[in-house]
Amino acid sequence: MILINFKIYKETFGDRALELAEICKRVSQKSGVRIIPVVSALDAVRIKEKIGIEVFLQAVDEYSDGAKSGFVSPFQAEVLKIDGSLINHSEHKIKPGTVKKILENYPQNFKSVVCIGSLGQADGWAKDIKPDWIAYEPKEFIGNKEKSVASEKPDIIRKMVERYPNVPVLVGAGIHSKEDVAVSLKLGAKGVLISTFIMKAKDPEKELTEVASAF
């Protein structure tokens, strides 16, 4: 599986988000790899309706409904046919207690991807959580176009997989090549989380196709 985080790069604003989601769809169909755009709440419904593929949000909050202006409800997202969300991305960190609160009150069919940045977190507050996926993303490599967690800390990927025998692990942070993906999969990961390498590419479809070929 490949999660493509659109973040809020200007390259993903407006109709460009639809174009990139269409690229995700085409590459997924050609490669047979599950590819899911992870998008702003402003774009999610439009992408879902017009492109007709799985769509995840970049973040949700702990409130399901009520007088909570400005928060993103996972229950509302599920009603609107959105498929899941990242939780605790390093660029949108929340307290460990809030992560657990979100998971405790999470919609049954709304997928959860909890991001953690270290083995210390895996052995601490995140030891017993059971999301649909764990995404291992050491902050120091996020957005790096030369180094990745796969090239610099491959052994920790293996250890992270061992920490979560019953939860599939995704690998993020600087993933920018077919080789990075191949290393991650060889060490037991079930997929990758990518952003900058695709979003800032001159030819996103070409780069995504190359990454997907590692599966």
N, C-alpha and C. Protein backbone atom coordinates (compact mmCIF):
# COMPACT_ATOMS: atom_id res chain seq x y z
N MET A 1 0.84 -1.20 0.00
CA MET A 1 0.00 0.00 0.00
C MET A 1 0.87 1.25 0.00
N ILE A 2 0.45 2.24 -0.72
CA ILE A 2 1.12 3.53 -0.75
C ILE A 2 0.12 4.61 -0.34
N LEU A 3 0.46 5.35 0.70
CA LEU A 3 -0.30 6.54 1.06
C LEU A 3 0.43 7.75 0.51
N ILE A 4 -0.28 8.60 -0.21
CA ILE A 4 0.30 9.81 -0.78
C ILE A 4 -0.25 11.02 -0.04
N ASN A 5 0.57 11.63 0.80
CA ASN A 5 0.13 12.77 1.59
C ASN A 5 0.23 14.05 0.77
N PHE A 6 -0.91 14.62 0.42
CA PHE A 6 -0.93 15.86 -0.35
C PHE A 6 -0.50 17.07 0.46
N LYS A 7 -0.53 16.96 1.79
CA LYS A 7 -0.25 18.08 2.70
C LYS A 7 -1.06 19.30 2.25
N ILE A 8 -0.53 20.51 2.41
CA ILE A 8 -1.20 21.68 1.83
C ILE A 8 -0.21 22.44 0.95
N TYR A 9 0.54 21.66 0.17
CA TYR A 9 1.39 22.28 -0.85
C TYR A 9 0.51 23.01 -1.85
N LYS A 10 1.01 24.13 -2.37
CA LYS A 10 0.23 24.88 -3.36
C LYS A 10 -0.01 24.05 -4.61
N GLU A 11 0.85 23.03 -4.82
CA GLU A 11 0.66 22.15 -5.96
C GLU A 11 -0.58 21.28 -5.84
N THR A 12 -1.19 21.26 -4.65
CA THR A 12 -2.39 20.45 -4.45
C THR A 12 -3.65 21.29 -4.29
N PHE A 13 -3.56 22.57 -4.52
CA PHE A 13 -4.74 23.43 -4.34
C PHE A 13 -5.73 23.26 -5.49
N GLY A 14 -7.01 23.33 -5.15
CA GLY A 14 -8.06 23.38 -6.16
C GLY A 14 -8.09 22.16 -7.07
N ASP A 15 -8.22 22.42 -8.37
CA ASP A 15 -8.35 21.34 -9.34
C ASP A 15 -7.09 20.48 -9.43
N ARG A 16 -5.96 21.02 -8.99
CA ARG A 16 -4.73 20.23 -9.01
C ARG A 16 -4.86 19.01 -8.10
N ALA A 17 -5.60 19.13 -7.01
CA ALA A 17 -5.81 17.98 -6.14
C ALA A 17 -6.54 16.87 -6.87
N LEU A 18 -7.51 17.24 -7.71
CA LEU A 18 -8.23 16.25 -8.51
C LEU A 18 -7.29 15.58 -9.52
N GLU A 19 -6.43 16.37 -10.14
CA GLU A 19 -5.49 15.82 -11.12
C GLU A 19 -4.54 14.81 -10.47
N LEU A 20 -4.05 15.15 -9.28
CA LEU A 20 -3.13 14.25 -8.59
C LEU A 20 -3.85 12.99 -8.11
N ALA A 21 -5.10 13.13 -7.67
CA ALA A 21 -5.87 11.97 -7.27
C ALA A 21 -6.13 11.06 -8.46
N GLU A 22 -6.34 11.65 -9.63
CA GLU A 22 -6.53 10.86 -10.85
C GLU A 22 -5.25 10.09 -11.19
N ILE A 23 -4.10 10.70 -10.97
CA ILE A 23 -2.83 10.01 -11.17
C ILE A 23 -2.72 8.81 -10.23
N CYS A 24 -3.10 9.01 -8.97
CA CYS A 24 -3.09 7.90 -8.01
C CYS A 24 -3.96 6.75 -8.51
N LYS A 25 -5.11 7.10 -9.04
CA LYS A 25 -6.04 6.08 -9.54
C LYS A 25 -5.44 5.33 -10.72
N ARG A 26 -4.87 6.06 -11.68
CA ARG A 26 -4.30 5.41 -12.87
C ARG A 26 -3.14 4.48 -12.51
N VAL A 27 -2.24 4.96 -11.68
CA VAL A 27 -1.08 4.15 -11.31
C VAL A 27 -1.52 2.93 -10.52
N SER A 28 -2.51 3.10 -9.66
CA SER A 28 -3.02 1.96 -8.88
C SER A 28 -3.61 0.90 -9.80
N GLN A 29 -4.40 1.34 -10.78
CA GLN A 29 -5.03 0.39 -11.70
C GLN A 29 -4.00 -0.34 -12.55
N LYS A 30 -2.96 0.38 -12.99
CA LYS A 30 -1.94 -0.24 -13.84
C LYS A 30 -1.03 -1.18 -13.06
N SER A 31 -0.70 -0.80 -11.82
CA SER A 31 0.28 -1.56 -11.03
C SER A 31 -0.34 -2.64 -10.15
N GLY A 32 -1.63 -2.46 -9.83
CA GLY A 32 -2.27 -3.37 -8.90
C GLY A 32 -1.96 -3.06 -7.45
N VAL A 33 -1.27 -1.94 -7.19
CA VAL A 33 -0.91 -1.53 -5.83
C VAL A 33 -1.99 -0.61 -5.28
N ARG A 34 -2.38 -0.83 -4.06
CA ARG A 34 -3.36 0.03 -3.40
C ARG A 34 -2.71 1.39 -3.11
N ILE A 35 -3.21 2.44 -3.72
CA ILE A 35 -2.66 3.78 -3.56
C ILE A 35 -3.77 4.72 -3.09
N ILE A 36 -3.55 5.37 -1.96
CA ILE A 36 -4.59 6.19 -1.35
C ILE A 36 -4.09 7.62 -1.15
N PRO A 37 -4.75 8.61 -1.75
CA PRO A 37 -4.40 10.00 -1.47
C PRO A 37 -4.85 10.39 -0.07
N VAL A 38 -3.97 11.10 0.63
CA VAL A 38 -4.25 11.59 1.98
C VAL A 38 -4.34 13.10 1.87
N VAL A 39 -5.54 13.66 2.03
CA VAL A 39 -5.79 15.01 1.56
C VAL A 39 -6.38 15.92 2.64
N SER A 40 -6.37 17.19 2.33
CA SER A 40 -7.04 18.18 3.17
C SER A 40 -8.54 17.90 3.24
N ALA A 41 -9.13 18.21 4.39
CA ALA A 41 -10.57 18.04 4.53
C ALA A 41 -11.34 18.90 3.52
N LEU A 42 -10.70 19.95 3.01
CA LEU A 42 -11.35 20.81 2.03
C LEU A 42 -11.51 20.12 0.68
N ASP A 43 -10.65 19.15 0.41
CA ASP A 43 -10.65 18.48 -0.89
C ASP A 43 -11.26 17.08 -0.87
N ALA A 44 -11.37 16.49 0.30
CA ALA A 44 -11.68 15.06 0.39
C ALA A 44 -12.99 14.66 -0.28
N VAL A 45 -14.06 15.37 -0.01
CA VAL A 45 -15.36 14.98 -0.55
C VAL A 45 -15.37 15.11 -2.06
N ARG A 46 -14.80 16.18 -2.58
CA ARG A 46 -14.78 16.39 -4.03
C ARG A 46 -13.98 15.29 -4.73
N ILE A 47 -12.83 14.93 -4.15
CA ILE A 47 -12.02 13.86 -4.73
C ILE A 47 -12.80 12.54 -4.70
N LYS A 48 -13.43 12.28 -3.58
CA LYS A 48 -14.19 11.03 -3.45
C LYS A 48 -15.29 10.95 -4.51
N GLU A 49 -16.01 12.04 -4.68
CA GLU A 49 -17.15 12.04 -5.60
C GLU A 49 -16.72 12.03 -7.07
N LYS A 50 -15.67 12.76 -7.40
CA LYS A 50 -15.29 12.90 -8.81
C LYS A 50 -14.32 11.82 -9.30
N ILE A 51 -13.44 11.35 -8.42
CA ILE A 51 -12.44 10.37 -8.83
C ILE A 51 -12.85 8.95 -8.44
N GLY A 52 -13.61 8.82 -7.35
CA GLY A 52 -14.17 7.53 -6.99
C GLY A 52 -13.17 6.52 -6.45
N ILE A 53 -12.19 7.00 -5.67
CA ILE A 53 -11.21 6.08 -5.07
C ILE A 53 -11.20 6.27 -3.56
N GLU A 54 -10.46 5.40 -2.87
CA GLU A 54 -10.28 5.57 -1.43
C GLU A 54 -9.60 6.92 -1.15
N VAL A 55 -10.06 7.58 -0.11
CA VAL A 55 -9.50 8.87 0.28
C VAL A 55 -9.37 8.92 1.80
N PHE A 56 -8.21 9.32 2.28
CA PHE A 56 -7.98 9.51 3.71
C PHE A 56 -7.80 11.00 4.01
N LEU A 57 -8.14 11.40 5.22
CA LEU A 57 -7.84 12.74 5.71
C LEU A 57 -6.46 12.78 6.32
N GLN A 58 -5.92 13.99 6.46
CA GLN A 58 -4.61 14.15 7.08
C GLN A 58 -4.68 14.18 8.60
N ALA A 59 -5.86 14.45 9.13
CA ALA A 59 -6.04 14.49 10.59
C ALA A 59 -7.51 14.53 10.93
N VAL A 60 -7.85 13.99 12.08
CA VAL A 60 -9.19 14.14 12.65
C VAL A 60 -9.03 14.49 14.13
N ASP A 61 -10.12 14.93 14.73
CA ASP A 61 -10.11 15.29 16.14
C ASP A 61 -10.89 14.28 16.96
N GLU A 62 -10.86 14.49 18.29
CA GLU A 62 -11.46 13.50 19.18
C GLU A 62 -12.96 13.66 19.36
N TYR A 63 -13.55 14.69 18.78
CA TYR A 63 -14.97 14.95 18.99
C TYR A 63 -15.82 14.38 17.85
N SER A 64 -16.87 13.68 18.22
CA SER A 64 -17.73 13.05 17.21
C SER A 64 -18.80 14.00 16.71
N ASP A 65 -19.40 14.79 17.62
CA ASP A 65 -20.43 15.75 17.23
C ASP A 65 -20.62 16.74 18.37
N GLY A 66 -21.45 17.75 18.12
CA GLY A 66 -21.75 18.70 19.18
C GLY A 66 -21.20 20.08 18.93
N ALA A 67 -21.15 20.89 20.00
CA ALA A 67 -20.73 22.29 19.91
C ALA A 67 -19.20 22.38 19.94
N LYS A 68 -18.59 22.01 18.85
CA LYS A 68 -17.12 21.98 18.76
C LYS A 68 -16.68 22.59 17.44
N SER A 69 -16.84 23.87 17.30
CA SER A 69 -16.55 24.55 16.04
C SER A 69 -15.09 24.40 15.63
N GLY A 70 -14.88 24.13 14.34
CA GLY A 70 -13.54 24.07 13.79
C GLY A 70 -12.86 22.73 13.87
N PHE A 71 -13.46 21.76 14.53
CA PHE A 71 -12.85 20.45 14.64
C PHE A 71 -13.34 19.54 13.51
N VAL A 72 -12.54 18.51 13.21
CA VAL A 72 -12.89 17.55 12.16
C VAL A 72 -13.34 16.25 12.82
N SER A 73 -14.59 15.92 12.62
CA SER A 73 -15.17 14.72 13.23
C SER A 73 -14.96 13.50 12.34
N PRO A 74 -14.36 12.43 12.87
CA PRO A 74 -14.24 11.21 12.07
C PRO A 74 -15.60 10.62 11.72
N PHE A 75 -16.58 10.83 12.56
CA PHE A 75 -17.92 10.31 12.28
C PHE A 75 -18.56 11.07 11.11
N GLN A 76 -18.37 12.38 11.07
CA GLN A 76 -18.87 13.15 9.94
C GLN A 76 -18.17 12.74 8.65
N ALA A 77 -16.85 12.52 8.74
CA ALA A 77 -16.10 12.07 7.57
C ALA A 77 -16.62 10.74 7.05
N GLU A 78 -16.92 9.83 7.96
CA GLU A 78 -17.44 8.52 7.55
C GLU A 78 -18.80 8.68 6.86
N VAL A 79 -19.64 9.54 7.40
CA VAL A 79 -20.95 9.79 6.79
C VAL A 79 -20.79 10.31 5.37
N LEU A 80 -19.74 11.11 5.15
CA LEU A 80 -19.49 11.69 3.83
C LEU A 80 -18.70 10.76 2.92
N LYS A 81 -18.54 9.49 3.33
CA LYS A 81 -17.92 8.43 2.51
C LYS A 81 -16.40 8.52 2.43
N ILE A 82 -15.78 9.33 3.29
CA ILE A 82 -14.33 9.32 3.38
C ILE A 82 -13.92 8.02 4.07
N ASP A 83 -12.74 7.51 3.73
CA ASP A 83 -12.40 6.14 4.13
C ASP A 83 -11.53 6.00 5.38
N GLY A 84 -10.81 7.06 5.76
CA GLY A 84 -9.94 6.92 6.92
C GLY A 84 -9.14 8.19 7.14
N SER A 85 -8.18 8.11 8.07
CA SER A 85 -7.39 9.30 8.39
C SER A 85 -6.06 8.95 9.03
N LEU A 86 -5.08 9.83 8.81
CA LEU A 86 -3.88 9.82 9.63
C LEU A 86 -4.23 10.37 11.01
N ILE A 87 -3.47 9.94 11.99
CA ILE A 87 -3.61 10.46 13.36
C ILE A 87 -2.19 10.70 13.89
N ASN A 88 -1.93 11.90 14.38
CA ASN A 88 -0.66 12.21 15.03
C ASN A 88 0.52 12.29 14.07
N HIS A 89 0.29 12.77 12.85
CA HIS A 89 1.42 13.02 11.95
C HIS A 89 2.38 14.00 12.62
N SER A 90 3.66 13.89 12.32
CA SER A 90 4.66 14.73 12.99
C SER A 90 4.44 16.22 12.73
N GLU A 91 3.73 16.55 11.66
CA GLU A 91 3.40 17.95 11.38
C GLU A 91 2.06 18.37 11.99
N HIS A 92 1.40 17.43 12.63
CA HIS A 92 0.11 17.70 13.27
C HIS A 92 0.01 16.83 14.52
N LYS A 93 1.01 17.02 15.40
CA LYS A 93 1.10 16.16 16.58
C LYS A 93 0.02 16.48 17.61
N ILE A 94 -0.43 15.45 18.29
CA ILE A 94 -1.39 15.60 19.37
C ILE A 94 -0.89 14.82 20.58
N LYS A 95 -1.49 15.06 21.71
CA LYS A 95 -1.05 14.39 22.93
C LYS A 95 -1.40 12.89 22.89
N PRO A 96 -0.56 12.06 23.52
CA PRO A 96 -0.84 10.63 23.54
C PRO A 96 -2.23 10.28 24.06
N GLY A 97 -2.68 11.01 25.07
CA GLY A 97 -4.03 10.76 25.59
C GLY A 97 -5.11 11.06 24.57
N THR A 98 -4.86 12.07 23.72
CA THR A 98 -5.82 12.41 22.68
C THR A 98 -5.84 11.33 21.60
N VAL A 99 -4.67 10.79 21.25
CA VAL A 99 -4.61 9.69 20.29
C VAL A 99 -5.48 8.53 20.78
N LYS A 100 -5.31 8.18 22.03
CA LYS A 100 -6.07 7.06 22.59
C LYS A 100 -7.56 7.36 22.64
N LYS A 101 -7.89 8.61 22.95
CA LYS A 101 -9.30 9.00 22.99
C LYS A 101 -9.95 8.90 21.62
N ILE A 102 -9.20 9.33 20.59
CA ILE A 102 -9.72 9.23 19.22
C ILE A 102 -9.99 7.77 18.86
N LEU A 103 -9.01 6.90 19.17
CA LEU A 103 -9.17 5.49 18.83
C LEU A 103 -10.29 4.81 19.61
N GLU A 104 -10.48 5.21 20.85
CA GLU A 104 -11.54 4.62 21.67
C GLU A 104 -12.93 4.94 21.14
N ASN A 105 -13.06 6.08 20.48
CA ASN A 105 -14.37 6.52 20.00
C ASN A 105 -14.44 6.55 18.47
N TYR A 106 -13.64 5.72 17.84
CA TYR A 106 -13.48 5.77 16.39
C TYR A 106 -14.60 5.01 15.69
N PRO A 107 -15.06 5.51 14.53
CA PRO A 107 -16.07 4.78 13.77
C PRO A 107 -15.55 3.41 13.34
N GLN A 108 -16.37 2.43 13.36
CA GLN A 108 -15.95 1.06 13.13
C GLN A 108 -15.34 0.84 11.75
N ASN A 109 -15.89 1.48 10.72
CA ASN A 109 -15.42 1.24 9.35
C ASN A 109 -14.55 2.35 8.79
N PHE A 110 -14.11 3.25 9.66
CA PHE A 110 -13.25 4.37 9.25
C PHE A 110 -11.81 4.01 9.61
N LYS A 111 -10.94 3.91 8.63
CA LYS A 111 -9.60 3.38 8.85
C LYS A 111 -8.70 4.37 9.59
N SER A 112 -7.83 3.83 10.43
CA SER A 112 -6.94 4.67 11.24
C SER A 112 -5.48 4.32 10.97
N VAL A 113 -4.66 5.38 10.79
CA VAL A 113 -3.22 5.24 10.60
C VAL A 113 -2.55 6.13 11.64
N VAL A 114 -2.01 5.52 12.69
CA VAL A 114 -1.36 6.30 13.74
C VAL A 114 0.12 6.44 13.44
N CYS A 115 0.59 7.67 13.39
CA CYS A 115 2.00 7.95 13.11
C CYS A 115 2.79 8.02 14.42
N ILE A 116 3.91 7.32 14.44
CA ILE A 116 4.82 7.41 15.59
C ILE A 116 6.24 7.60 15.06
N GLY A 117 7.07 8.27 15.87
CA GLY A 117 8.36 8.69 15.37
C GLY A 117 9.57 7.99 15.93
N SER A 118 9.36 7.05 16.88
CA SER A 118 10.53 6.42 17.49
C SER A 118 10.14 5.12 18.18
N LEU A 119 11.16 4.30 18.43
CA LEU A 119 10.94 3.08 19.20
C LEU A 119 10.53 3.41 20.63
N GLY A 120 11.02 4.55 21.14
CA GLY A 120 10.64 4.97 22.48
C GLY A 120 9.13 5.17 22.59
N GLN A 121 8.54 5.77 21.58
CA GLN A 121 7.09 5.95 21.59
C GLN A 121 6.39 4.60 21.47
N ALA A 122 6.95 3.71 20.63
CA ALA A 122 6.35 2.39 20.46
C ALA A 122 6.37 1.60 21.76
N ASP A 123 7.41 1.79 22.56
CA ASP A 123 7.53 1.08 23.84
C ASP A 123 6.82 1.81 24.97
N GLY A 124 6.42 3.06 24.72
CA GLY A 124 5.77 3.86 25.75
C GLY A 124 4.28 3.99 25.53
N TRP A 125 3.85 5.20 25.20
CA TRP A 125 2.41 5.45 25.10
C TRP A 125 1.73 4.67 23.99
N ALA A 126 2.49 4.31 22.94
CA ALA A 126 1.87 3.62 21.80
C ALA A 126 1.99 2.10 21.87
N LYS A 127 2.39 1.58 23.01
CA LYS A 127 2.65 0.15 23.13
C LYS A 127 1.44 -0.72 22.85
N ASP A 128 0.29 -0.31 23.36
CA ASP A 128 -0.89 -1.17 23.29
C ASP A 128 -1.98 -0.66 22.35
N ILE A 129 -1.70 0.35 21.57
CA ILE A 129 -2.73 0.85 20.66
C ILE A 129 -2.94 -0.13 19.51
N LYS A 130 -4.15 -0.12 18.96
CA LYS A 130 -4.47 -1.05 17.88
C LYS A 130 -5.21 -0.35 16.75
N PRO A 131 -4.51 0.53 16.05
CA PRO A 131 -5.11 1.15 14.86
C PRO A 131 -5.10 0.15 13.70
N ASP A 132 -5.59 0.57 12.57
CA ASP A 132 -5.53 -0.30 11.39
C ASP A 132 -4.11 -0.40 10.85
N TRP A 133 -3.34 0.69 10.97
CA TRP A 133 -1.93 0.69 10.58
C TRP A 133 -1.14 1.57 11.52
N ILE A 134 0.13 1.22 11.69
CA ILE A 134 1.12 2.10 12.32
C ILE A 134 1.99 2.67 11.20
N ALA A 135 2.23 3.96 11.23
CA ALA A 135 3.15 4.58 10.27
C ALA A 135 4.37 5.08 11.03
N TYR A 136 5.50 4.47 10.75
CA TYR A 136 6.75 4.87 11.40
C TYR A 136 7.41 5.97 10.59
N GLU A 137 7.54 7.15 11.20
CA GLU A 137 8.08 8.33 10.52
C GLU A 137 9.00 9.13 11.43
N PRO A 138 10.29 8.82 11.49
CA PRO A 138 11.19 9.67 12.27
C PRO A 138 11.26 11.06 11.66
N LYS A 139 11.02 12.05 12.47
CA LYS A 139 10.82 13.41 12.01
C LYS A 139 12.02 13.96 11.22
N GLU A 140 13.23 13.53 11.58
CA GLU A 140 14.41 14.13 10.98
C GLU A 140 14.55 13.86 9.48
N PHE A 141 13.81 12.89 8.96
CA PHE A 141 13.93 12.57 7.54
C PHE A 141 12.74 13.04 6.70
N ILE A 142 11.72 13.58 7.35
CA ILE A 142 10.54 13.99 6.61
C ILE A 142 10.88 15.13 5.65
N GLY A 143 10.54 14.94 4.38
CA GLY A 143 10.82 15.94 3.37
C GLY A 143 12.22 15.90 2.79
N ASN A 144 13.06 14.99 3.30
CA ASN A 144 14.44 14.90 2.82
C ASN A 144 14.48 14.20 1.47
N LYS A 145 15.12 14.80 0.50
CA LYS A 145 15.17 14.24 -0.85
C LYS A 145 16.42 13.40 -1.10
N GLU A 146 17.31 13.32 -0.09
CA GLU A 146 18.55 12.57 -0.25
C GLU A 146 18.66 11.40 0.72
N LYS A 147 18.13 11.56 1.90
CA LYS A 147 18.20 10.51 2.91
C LYS A 147 16.79 10.11 3.34
N SER A 148 16.65 8.84 3.70
CA SER A 148 15.35 8.35 4.17
C SER A 148 15.56 7.44 5.36
N VAL A 149 14.48 7.12 6.02
CA VAL A 149 14.56 6.15 7.11
C VAL A 149 15.05 4.80 6.59
N ALA A 150 14.69 4.47 5.35
CA ALA A 150 15.11 3.18 4.78
C ALA A 150 16.60 3.13 4.50
N SER A 151 17.19 4.25 4.13
CA SER A 151 18.62 4.27 3.83
C SER A 151 19.47 4.49 5.07
N GLU A 152 18.93 5.19 6.07
CA GLU A 152 19.72 5.57 7.24
C GLU A 152 19.44 4.75 8.49
N LYS A 153 18.21 4.26 8.65
CA LYS A 153 17.86 3.52 9.86
C LYS A 153 17.04 2.26 9.53
N PRO A 154 17.53 1.44 8.60
CA PRO A 154 16.74 0.28 8.20
C PRO A 154 16.48 -0.70 9.34
N ASP A 155 17.44 -0.83 10.25
CA ASP A 155 17.26 -1.81 11.34
C ASP A 155 16.09 -1.44 12.24
N ILE A 156 15.81 -0.13 12.35
CA ILE A 156 14.70 0.29 13.19
C ILE A 156 13.36 -0.07 12.53
N ILE A 157 13.33 -0.12 11.21
CA ILE A 157 12.10 -0.57 10.54
C ILE A 157 11.79 -2.00 10.96
N ARG A 158 12.81 -2.85 10.94
CA ARG A 158 12.62 -4.24 11.37
C ARG A 158 12.15 -4.32 12.81
N LYS A 159 12.77 -3.53 13.68
CA LYS A 159 12.39 -3.54 15.10
C LYS A 159 10.96 -3.04 15.29
N MET A 160 10.56 -2.03 14.50
CA MET A 160 9.21 -1.51 14.60
C MET A 160 8.19 -2.58 14.18
N VAL A 161 8.51 -3.31 13.12
CA VAL A 161 7.64 -4.40 12.68
C VAL A 161 7.51 -5.45 13.78
N GLU A 162 8.62 -5.74 14.46
CA GLU A 162 8.59 -6.72 15.56
C GLU A 162 7.76 -6.23 16.73
N ARG A 163 7.74 -4.90 16.95
CA ARG A 163 6.97 -4.35 18.07
C ARG A 163 5.46 -4.51 17.84
N TYR A 164 5.06 -4.57 16.57
CA TYR A 164 3.63 -4.62 16.25
C TYR A 164 3.32 -5.85 15.38
N PRO A 165 3.38 -7.04 15.97
CA PRO A 165 3.14 -8.26 15.19
C PRO A 165 1.72 -8.37 14.66
N ASN A 166 0.79 -7.66 15.29
CA ASN A 166 -0.61 -7.77 14.87
C ASN A 166 -1.15 -6.52 14.20
N VAL A 167 -0.28 -5.55 13.94
CA VAL A 167 -0.69 -4.32 13.26
C VAL A 167 0.28 -4.08 12.09
N PRO A 168 -0.20 -3.97 10.87
CA PRO A 168 0.70 -3.71 9.74
C PRO A 168 1.39 -2.36 9.87
N VAL A 169 2.66 -2.35 9.54
CA VAL A 169 3.48 -1.14 9.67
C VAL A 169 3.76 -0.54 8.29
N LEU A 170 3.57 0.76 8.19
CA LEU A 170 3.95 1.54 7.01
C LEU A 170 5.20 2.34 7.35
N VAL A 171 5.98 2.67 6.34
CA VAL A 171 7.22 3.41 6.57
C VAL A 171 7.17 4.73 5.81
N GLY A 172 7.49 5.81 6.51
CA GLY A 172 7.54 7.12 5.88
C GLY A 172 8.83 7.84 6.24
N ALA A 173 8.92 9.08 5.85
CA ALA A 173 10.04 9.97 6.16
C ALA A 173 11.17 9.84 5.15
N GLY A 174 11.12 10.68 4.12
CA GLY A 174 12.17 10.74 3.13
C GLY A 174 12.14 9.65 2.07
N ILE A 175 11.12 8.81 2.07
CA ILE A 175 11.02 7.76 1.07
C ILE A 175 10.96 8.41 -0.31
N HIS A 176 11.95 8.12 -1.16
CA HIS A 176 12.01 8.83 -2.44
C HIS A 176 12.54 7.97 -3.59
N SER A 177 12.50 6.66 -3.43
CA SER A 177 12.99 5.83 -4.52
C SER A 177 12.40 4.43 -4.44
N LYS A 178 12.50 3.74 -5.56
CA LYS A 178 12.10 2.33 -5.61
C LYS A 178 12.90 1.52 -4.60
N GLU A 179 14.16 1.86 -4.44
CA GLU A 179 15.03 1.13 -3.51
C GLU A 179 14.57 1.31 -2.07
N ASP A 180 14.17 2.53 -1.70
CA ASP A 180 13.66 2.77 -0.35
C ASP A 180 12.45 1.89 -0.06
N VAL A 181 11.57 1.79 -1.03
CA VAL A 181 10.37 0.98 -0.86
C VAL A 181 10.74 -0.50 -0.74
N ALA A 182 11.63 -0.95 -1.60
CA ALA A 182 12.05 -2.35 -1.58
C ALA A 182 12.67 -2.73 -0.24
N VAL A 183 13.52 -1.86 0.31
CA VAL A 183 14.14 -2.11 1.61
C VAL A 183 13.06 -2.21 2.69
N SER A 184 12.13 -1.28 2.68
CA SER A 184 11.07 -1.26 3.69
C SER A 184 10.24 -2.54 3.64
N LEU A 185 9.89 -2.97 2.45
CA LEU A 185 9.08 -4.19 2.30
C LEU A 185 9.87 -5.42 2.72
N LYS A 186 11.14 -5.47 2.38
CA LYS A 186 11.98 -6.60 2.74
C LYS A 186 12.09 -6.75 4.25
N LEU A 187 12.06 -5.64 4.97
CA LEU A 187 12.18 -5.65 6.42
C LEU A 187 10.85 -5.88 7.13
N GLY A 188 9.79 -6.08 6.35
CA GLY A 188 8.51 -6.46 6.95
C GLY A 188 7.41 -5.42 6.89
N ALA A 189 7.72 -4.22 6.40
CA ALA A 189 6.67 -3.21 6.27
C ALA A 189 5.66 -3.64 5.21
N LYS A 190 4.44 -3.15 5.33
CA LYS A 190 3.38 -3.49 4.39
C LYS A 190 3.11 -2.38 3.38
N GLY A 191 3.84 -1.29 3.50
CA GLY A 191 3.64 -0.19 2.58
C GLY A 191 4.43 1.02 3.00
N VAL A 192 4.21 2.13 2.29
CA VAL A 192 4.95 3.36 2.56
C VAL A 192 4.02 4.56 2.56
N LEU A 193 4.49 5.60 3.21
CA LEU A 193 3.81 6.89 3.24
C LEU A 193 4.75 7.91 2.60
N ILE A 194 4.31 8.50 1.49
CA ILE A 194 5.16 9.40 0.70
C ILE A 194 4.45 10.73 0.52
N SER A 195 5.24 11.80 0.42
CA SER A 195 4.65 13.11 0.13
C SER A 195 5.52 13.92 -0.83
N THR A 196 6.54 14.56 -0.28
CA THR A 196 7.31 15.55 -1.02
C THR A 196 7.85 15.01 -2.35
N PHE A 197 8.34 13.79 -2.34
CA PHE A 197 8.93 13.20 -3.53
C PHE A 197 7.95 13.18 -4.70
N ILE A 198 6.68 12.96 -4.40
CA ILE A 198 5.66 12.94 -5.45
C ILE A 198 5.08 14.33 -5.68
N MET A 199 4.72 15.02 -4.61
CA MET A 199 4.04 16.31 -4.74
C MET A 199 4.90 17.36 -5.41
N LYS A 200 6.22 17.29 -5.24
CA LYS A 200 7.11 18.29 -5.81
C LYS A 200 7.78 17.83 -7.11
N ALA A 201 7.40 16.65 -7.59
CA ALA A 201 8.02 16.11 -8.79
C ALA A 201 7.55 16.83 -10.05
N LYS A 202 8.42 16.94 -11.05
CA LYS A 202 8.02 17.50 -12.34
C LYS A 202 7.03 16.59 -13.05
N ASP A 203 7.19 15.27 -12.81
CA ASP A 203 6.31 14.29 -13.41
C ASP A 203 5.85 13.32 -12.32
N PRO A 204 4.83 13.69 -11.53
CA PRO A 204 4.38 12.85 -10.42
C PRO A 204 3.98 11.44 -10.85
N GLU A 205 3.37 11.31 -12.01
CA GLU A 205 2.93 9.99 -12.45
C GLU A 205 4.12 9.07 -12.72
N LYS A 206 5.15 9.59 -13.33
CA LYS A 206 6.35 8.80 -13.59
C LYS A 206 6.98 8.33 -12.29
N GLU A 207 7.12 9.24 -11.32
CA GLU A 207 7.77 8.90 -10.06
C GLU A 207 6.93 7.91 -9.26
N LEU A 208 5.62 8.10 -9.25
CA LEU A 208 4.74 7.17 -8.51
C LEU A 208 4.75 5.79 -9.15
N THR A 209 4.79 5.75 -10.46
CA THR A 209 4.86 4.47 -11.17
C THR A 209 6.13 3.73 -10.80
N GLU A 210 7.25 4.45 -10.72
CA GLU A 210 8.51 3.83 -10.36
C GLU A 210 8.47 3.28 -8.94
N VAL A 211 7.92 4.05 -8.02
CA VAL A 211 7.81 3.60 -6.63
C VAL A 211 6.92 2.35 -6.54
N ALA A 212 5.81 2.37 -7.25
CA ALA A 212 4.86 1.25 -7.20
C ALA A 212 5.48 -0.02 -7.75
N SER A 213 6.45 0.11 -8.64
CA SER A 213 7.07 -1.08 -9.25
C SER A 213 7.87 -1.89 -8.25
N ALA A 214 8.13 -1.34 -7.06
CA ALA A 214 8.88 -2.08 -6.04
C ALA A 214 8.03 -3.15 -5.36
N PHE A 215 6.72 -3.07 -5.52
CA PHE A 215 5.83 -4.02 -4.83
C PHE A 215 5.74 -5.33 -5.61
